[in-house]
Amino acid sequence: MKKTLSHVSSVLVSLLILCAPASEVFAQEIVSITANNKQVIVGTDVDLLLTMKPSSTGTNNCAVLVDFGNGDSQYVRVTSNNEADLKVPLKVRFAAAGNFTIAAKGKLMVRGLNTLGPCDGDKSETIAVSEPKVEPPAPAPEPAKSKKKK
């Protein structure tokens, strides 16, 4: 019985989010997703900053799906209009070289009673990931010339 009530509650919360007017569904707005460095070396951490705009409707909970462009993604819960909470630091590391587009998009996050509607908007940032530069070896020193005595 308890499991059934939990499931019914989850469905009701999802329906409320899906059926609410658009002005009530969206909370914070995605302003940007930026990388601290647009030229990255394979295997090094990239610090990202997801910046949000406060909600004008008073709704304080929404979800963002961040797609790192390399097959990995991460949900971010935005649950406050506090300025510090509207700047969300993230980290990613790339295993291969190439150009990667990191995209942040408001997306419904279904988690039972913790279900969140999508944040408003979507933004992206492209970064170039390159192999580490390998320095060529220094040339070998020339052998010392020996002096022959006659």
C-alpha atoms as a PDB file:
ATOM      1  CA  MET A   1       0.000   0.000   0.000  1.00  0.00           C
ATOM      2  CA  LYS A   2       2.813   2.409   0.920  1.00  0.00           C
ATOM      3  CA  LYS A   3       4.568   1.718  -2.410  1.00  0.00           C
ATOM      4  CA  THR A   4       1.312   2.372  -4.309  1.00  0.00           C
ATOM      5  CA  LEU A   5       0.797   5.714  -2.519  1.00  0.00           C
ATOM      6  CA  SER A   6       4.353   6.714  -3.330  1.00  0.00           C
ATOM      7  CA  HIS A   7       3.817   5.866  -6.998  1.00  0.00           C
ATOM      8  CA  VAL A   8       0.490   7.750  -7.096  1.00  0.00           C
ATOM      9  CA  SER A   9       2.137  10.774  -5.454  1.00  0.00           C
ATOM     10  CA  SER A  10       4.944  10.656  -7.995  1.00  0.00           C
ATOM     11  CA  VAL A  11       2.485  10.551 -10.885  1.00  0.00           C
ATOM     12  CA  LEU A  12       0.431  13.433  -9.423  1.00  0.00           C
ATOM     13  CA  VAL A  13       3.524  15.627  -8.972  1.00  0.00           C
ATOM     14  CA  SER A  14       4.611  14.891 -12.553  1.00  0.00           C
ATOM     15  CA  LEU A  15       1.138  15.718 -13.872  1.00  0.00           C
ATOM     16  CA  LEU A  16       1.040  18.988 -11.941  1.00  0.00           C
ATOM     17  CA  ILE A  17       4.377  20.009 -13.414  1.00  0.00           C
ATOM     18  CA  LEU A  18       3.408  19.002 -16.935  1.00  0.00           C
ATOM     19  CA  CYS A  19      -0.063  20.571 -16.847  1.00  0.00           C
ATOM     20  CA  ALA A  20       0.798  23.864 -15.144  1.00  0.00           C
ATOM     21  CA  PRO A  21       0.868  27.023 -17.265  1.00  0.00           C
ATOM     22  CA  ALA A  22       4.299  27.801 -18.742  1.00  0.00           C
ATOM     23  CA  SER A  23       4.789  30.803 -16.463  1.00  0.00           C
ATOM     24  CA  GLU A  24       4.473  28.500 -13.463  1.00  0.00           C
ATOM     25  CA  VAL A  25       6.588  25.627 -14.804  1.00  0.00           C
ATOM     26  CA  PHE A  26       9.781  27.499 -15.439  1.00  0.00           C
ATOM     27  CA  ALA A  27      11.819  28.782 -12.584  1.00  0.00           C
ATOM     28  CA  GLN A  28      15.346  30.017 -12.948  1.00  0.00           C
ATOM     29  CA  GLU A  29      16.679  30.776 -16.435  1.00  0.00           C
ATOM     30  CA  ILE A  30      19.961  29.494 -17.861  1.00  0.00           C
ATOM     31  CA  VAL A  31      22.197  32.496 -18.605  1.00  0.00           C
ATOM     32  CA  SER A  32      25.393  30.694 -19.670  1.00  0.00           C
ATOM     33  CA  ILE A  33      27.635  27.669 -19.435  1.00  0.00           C
ATOM     34  CA  THR A  34      31.285  28.701 -19.669  1.00  0.00           C
ATOM     35  CA  ALA A  35      34.639  26.944 -19.518  1.00  0.00           C
ATOM     36  CA  ASN A  36      37.608  28.478 -17.732  1.00  0.00           C
ATOM     37  CA  ASN A  37      39.752  27.591 -20.742  1.00  0.00           C
ATOM     38  CA  LYS A  38      38.645  27.002 -24.317  1.00  0.00           C
ATOM     39  CA  GLN A  39      41.975  25.327 -25.218  1.00  0.00           C
ATOM     40  CA  VAL A  40      42.228  22.154 -23.137  1.00  0.00           C
ATOM     41  CA  ILE A  41      44.738  19.297 -22.996  1.00  0.00           C
ATOM     42  CA  VAL A  42      43.463  15.691 -23.013  1.00  0.00           C
ATOM     43  CA  GLY A  43      43.248  14.279 -19.474  1.00  0.00           C
ATOM     44  CA  THR A  44      43.165  17.618 -17.635  1.00  0.00           C
ATOM     45  CA  ASP A  45      40.200  18.936 -15.659  1.00  0.00           C
ATOM     46  CA  VAL A  46      38.052  21.637 -17.210  1.00  0.00           C
ATOM     47  CA  ASP A  47      36.265  23.908 -14.747  1.00  0.00           C
ATOM     48  CA  LEU A  48      32.823  24.951 -15.956  1.00  0.00           C
ATOM     49  CA  LEU A  49      30.418  27.507 -14.544  1.00  0.00           C
ATOM     50  CA  LEU A  50      26.664  27.214 -15.065  1.00  0.00           C
ATOM     51  CA  THR A  51      25.139  30.647 -14.416  1.00  0.00           C
ATOM     52  CA  MET A  52      21.423  31.024 -13.746  1.00  0.00           C
ATOM     53  CA  LYS A  53      19.074  34.031 -13.587  1.00  0.00           C
ATOM     54  CA  PRO A  54      16.752  34.187 -10.557  1.00  0.00           C
ATOM     55  CA  SER A  55      13.116  33.209 -10.934  1.00  0.00           C
ATOM     56  CA  SER A  56      10.691  36.075 -11.402  1.00  0.00           C
ATOM     57  CA  THR A  57       7.677  33.923 -10.477  1.00  0.00           C
ATOM     58  CA  GLY A  58       8.908  32.876  -7.051  1.00  0.00           C
ATOM     59  CA  THR A  59       9.253  29.233  -8.105  1.00  0.00           C
ATOM     60  CA  ASN A  60      12.617  28.153  -6.740  1.00  0.00           C
ATOM     61  CA  ASN A  61      13.134  24.608  -8.006  1.00  0.00           C
ATOM     62  CA  CYS A  62      14.109  23.435 -11.469  1.00  0.00           C
ATOM     63  CA  ALA A  63      16.487  21.076 -13.261  1.00  0.00           C
ATOM     64  CA  VAL A  64      19.167  21.462 -15.926  1.00  0.00           C
ATOM     65  CA  LEU A  65      20.732  18.655 -17.932  1.00  0.00           C
ATOM     66  CA  VAL A  66      24.361  19.394 -18.826  1.00  0.00           C
ATOM     67  CA  ASP A  67      25.624  17.370 -21.805  1.00  0.00           C
ATOM     68  CA  PHE A  68      29.427  17.452 -21.922  1.00  0.00           C
ATOM     69  CA  GLY A  69      29.586  16.463 -25.603  1.00  0.00           C
ATOM     70  CA  ASN A  70      31.670  13.373 -24.923  1.00  0.00           C
ATOM     71  CA  GLY A  71      28.838  10.972 -24.065  1.00  0.00           C
ATOM     72  CA  ASP A  72      28.665  12.056 -20.406  1.00  0.00           C
ATOM     73  CA  SER A  73      25.921  14.194 -18.891  1.00  0.00           C
ATOM     74  CA  GLN A  74      24.854  15.399 -15.458  1.00  0.00           C
ATOM     75  CA  TYR A  75      21.605  16.709 -13.973  1.00  0.00           C
ATOM     76  CA  VAL A  76      21.871  19.868 -11.880  1.00  0.00           C
ATOM     77  CA  ARG A  77      19.201  20.784  -9.327  1.00  0.00           C
ATOM     78  CA  VAL A  78      18.655  24.526  -8.909  1.00  0.00           C
ATOM     79  CA  THR A  79      16.706  24.939  -5.696  1.00  0.00           C
ATOM     80  CA  SER A  80      17.291  28.515  -4.617  1.00  0.00           C
ATOM     81  CA  ASN A  81      17.237  32.096  -5.851  1.00  0.00           C
ATOM     82  CA  ASN A  82      20.238  32.943  -3.648  1.00  0.00           C
ATOM     83  CA  GLU A  83      22.959  34.535  -5.769  1.00  0.00           C
ATOM     84  CA  ALA A  84      25.587  32.002  -4.639  1.00  0.00           C
ATOM     85  CA  ASP A  85      23.318  29.088  -5.620  1.00  0.00           C
ATOM     86  CA  LEU A  86      22.788  30.528  -9.117  1.00  0.00           C
ATOM     87  CA  LYS A  87      26.456  29.960 -10.024  1.00  0.00           C
ATOM     88  CA  VAL A  88      27.001  26.211 -10.210  1.00  0.00           C
ATOM     89  CA  PRO A  89      30.593  24.956 -10.632  1.00  0.00           C
ATOM     90  CA  LEU A  90      31.103  21.731 -12.605  1.00  0.00           C
ATOM     91  CA  LYS A  91      34.146  19.715 -13.716  1.00  0.00           C
ATOM     92  CA  VAL A  92      34.728  17.533 -16.752  1.00  0.00           C
ATOM     93  CA  ARG A  93      37.735  15.695 -18.174  1.00  0.00           C
ATOM     94  CA  PHE A  94      38.088  14.622 -21.797  1.00  0.00           C
ATOM     95  CA  ALA A  95      39.851  11.386 -22.772  1.00  0.00           C
ATOM     96  CA  ALA A  96      40.275  12.247 -26.449  1.00  0.00           C
ATOM     97  CA  ALA A  97      41.160  15.230 -28.599  1.00  0.00           C
ATOM     98  CA  GLY A  98      38.537  17.104 -30.618  1.00  0.00           C
ATOM     99  CA  ASN A  99      36.001  19.925 -30.452  1.00  0.00           C
ATOM    100  CA  PHE A 100      33.314  19.367 -27.832  1.00  0.00           C
ATOM    101  CA  THR A 101      30.089  21.329 -27.385  1.00  0.00           C
ATOM    102  CA  ILE A 102      28.957  21.491 -23.777  1.00  0.00           C
ATOM    103  CA  ALA A 103      25.214  22.169 -23.649  1.00  0.00           C
ATOM    104  CA  ALA A 104      22.984  23.115 -20.705  1.00  0.00           C
ATOM    105  CA  LYS A 105      19.248  22.708 -21.223  1.00  0.00           C
ATOM    106  CA  GLY A 106      16.272  22.873 -18.888  1.00  0.00           C
ATOM    107  CA  LYS A 107      14.907  19.335 -18.568  1.00  0.00           C
ATOM    108  CA  LEU A 108      12.270  17.617 -16.438  1.00  0.00           C
ATOM    109  CA  MET A 109      13.967  15.495 -13.761  1.00  0.00           C
ATOM    110  CA  VAL A 110      11.615  12.768 -12.503  1.00  0.00           C
ATOM    111  CA  ARG A 111      12.531  11.654  -8.989  1.00  0.00           C
ATOM    112  CA  GLY A 112       9.227  10.714  -7.337  1.00  0.00           C
ATOM    113  CA  LEU A 113       8.280  13.398  -4.819  1.00  0.00           C
ATOM    114  CA  ASN A 114      11.563  15.174  -5.625  1.00  0.00           C
ATOM    115  CA  THR A 115      10.605  15.653  -9.296  1.00  0.00           C
ATOM    116  CA  LEU A 116      11.686  19.018 -10.689  1.00  0.00           C
ATOM    117  CA  GLY A 117      10.379  20.882 -13.704  1.00  0.00           C
ATOM    118  CA  PRO A 118      12.825  22.189 -16.281  1.00  0.00           C
ATOM    119  CA  CYS A 119      14.683  25.465 -15.871  1.00  0.00           C
ATOM    120  CA  ASP A 120      14.065  27.923 -18.677  1.00  0.00           C
ATOM    121  CA  GLY A 121      16.395  28.120 -21.677  1.00  0.00           C
ATOM    122  CA  ASP A 122      19.409  26.413 -23.135  1.00  0.00           C
ATOM    123  CA  LYS A 123      22.990  27.565 -23.731  1.00  0.00           C
ATOM    124  CA  SER A 124      26.142  25.962 -25.090  1.00  0.00           C
ATOM    125  CA  GLU A 125      29.899  26.454 -25.251  1.00  0.00           C
ATOM    126  CA  THR A 126      32.413  24.764 -27.577  1.00  0.00           C
ATOM    127  CA  ILE A 127      35.924  23.949 -26.427  1.00  0.00           C
ATOM    128  CA  ALA A 128      38.919  22.501 -28.269  1.00  0.00           C
ATOM    129  CA  VAL A 129      40.688  19.562 -26.637  1.00  0.00           C
ATOM    130  CA  SER A 130      44.145  18.707 -27.935  1.00  0.00           C
ATOM    131  CA  GLU A 131      46.806  16.117 -27.291  1.00  0.00           C
ATOM    132  CA  PRO A 132      49.663  17.218 -25.024  1.00  0.00           C
ATOM    133  CA  LYS A 133      52.568  18.710 -26.933  1.00  0.00           C
ATOM    134  CA  VAL A 134      55.586  16.467 -26.908  1.00  0.00           C
ATOM    135  CA  GLU A 135      58.870  18.328 -26.971  1.00  0.00           C
ATOM    136  CA  PRO A 136      61.390  16.804 -29.397  1.00  0.00           C
ATOM    137  CA  PRO A 137      64.423  15.366 -27.644  1.00  0.00           C
ATOM    138  CA  ALA A 138      67.448  17.623 -27.455  1.00  0.00           C
ATOM    139  CA  PRO A 139      70.136  16.746 -29.997  1.00  0.00           C
ATOM    140  CA  ALA A 140      72.918  14.553 -28.683  1.00  0.00           C
ATOM    141  CA  PRO A 141      76.172  16.414 -28.001  1.00  0.00           C
ATOM    142  CA  GLU A 142      78.915  15.939 -30.544  1.00  0.00           C
ATOM    143  CA  PRO A 143      81.688  13.642 -29.370  1.00  0.00           C
ATOM    144  CA  ALA A 144      84.839  15.398 -28.215  1.00  0.00           C
ATOM    145  CA  LYS A 145      87.639  15.408 -30.751  1.00  0.00           C
ATOM    146  CA  SER A 146      90.732  13.733 -29.515  1.00  0.00           C
ATOM    147  CA  LYS A 147      94.176  15.164 -30.232  1.00  0.00           C
ATOM    148  CA  LYS A 148      96.663  12.714 -31.686  1.00  0.00           C
ATOM    149  CA  LYS A 149     100.354  13.063 -30.899  1.00  0.00           C
ATOM    150  CA  LYS A 150     102.919  12.588 -33.610  1.00  0.00           C
END
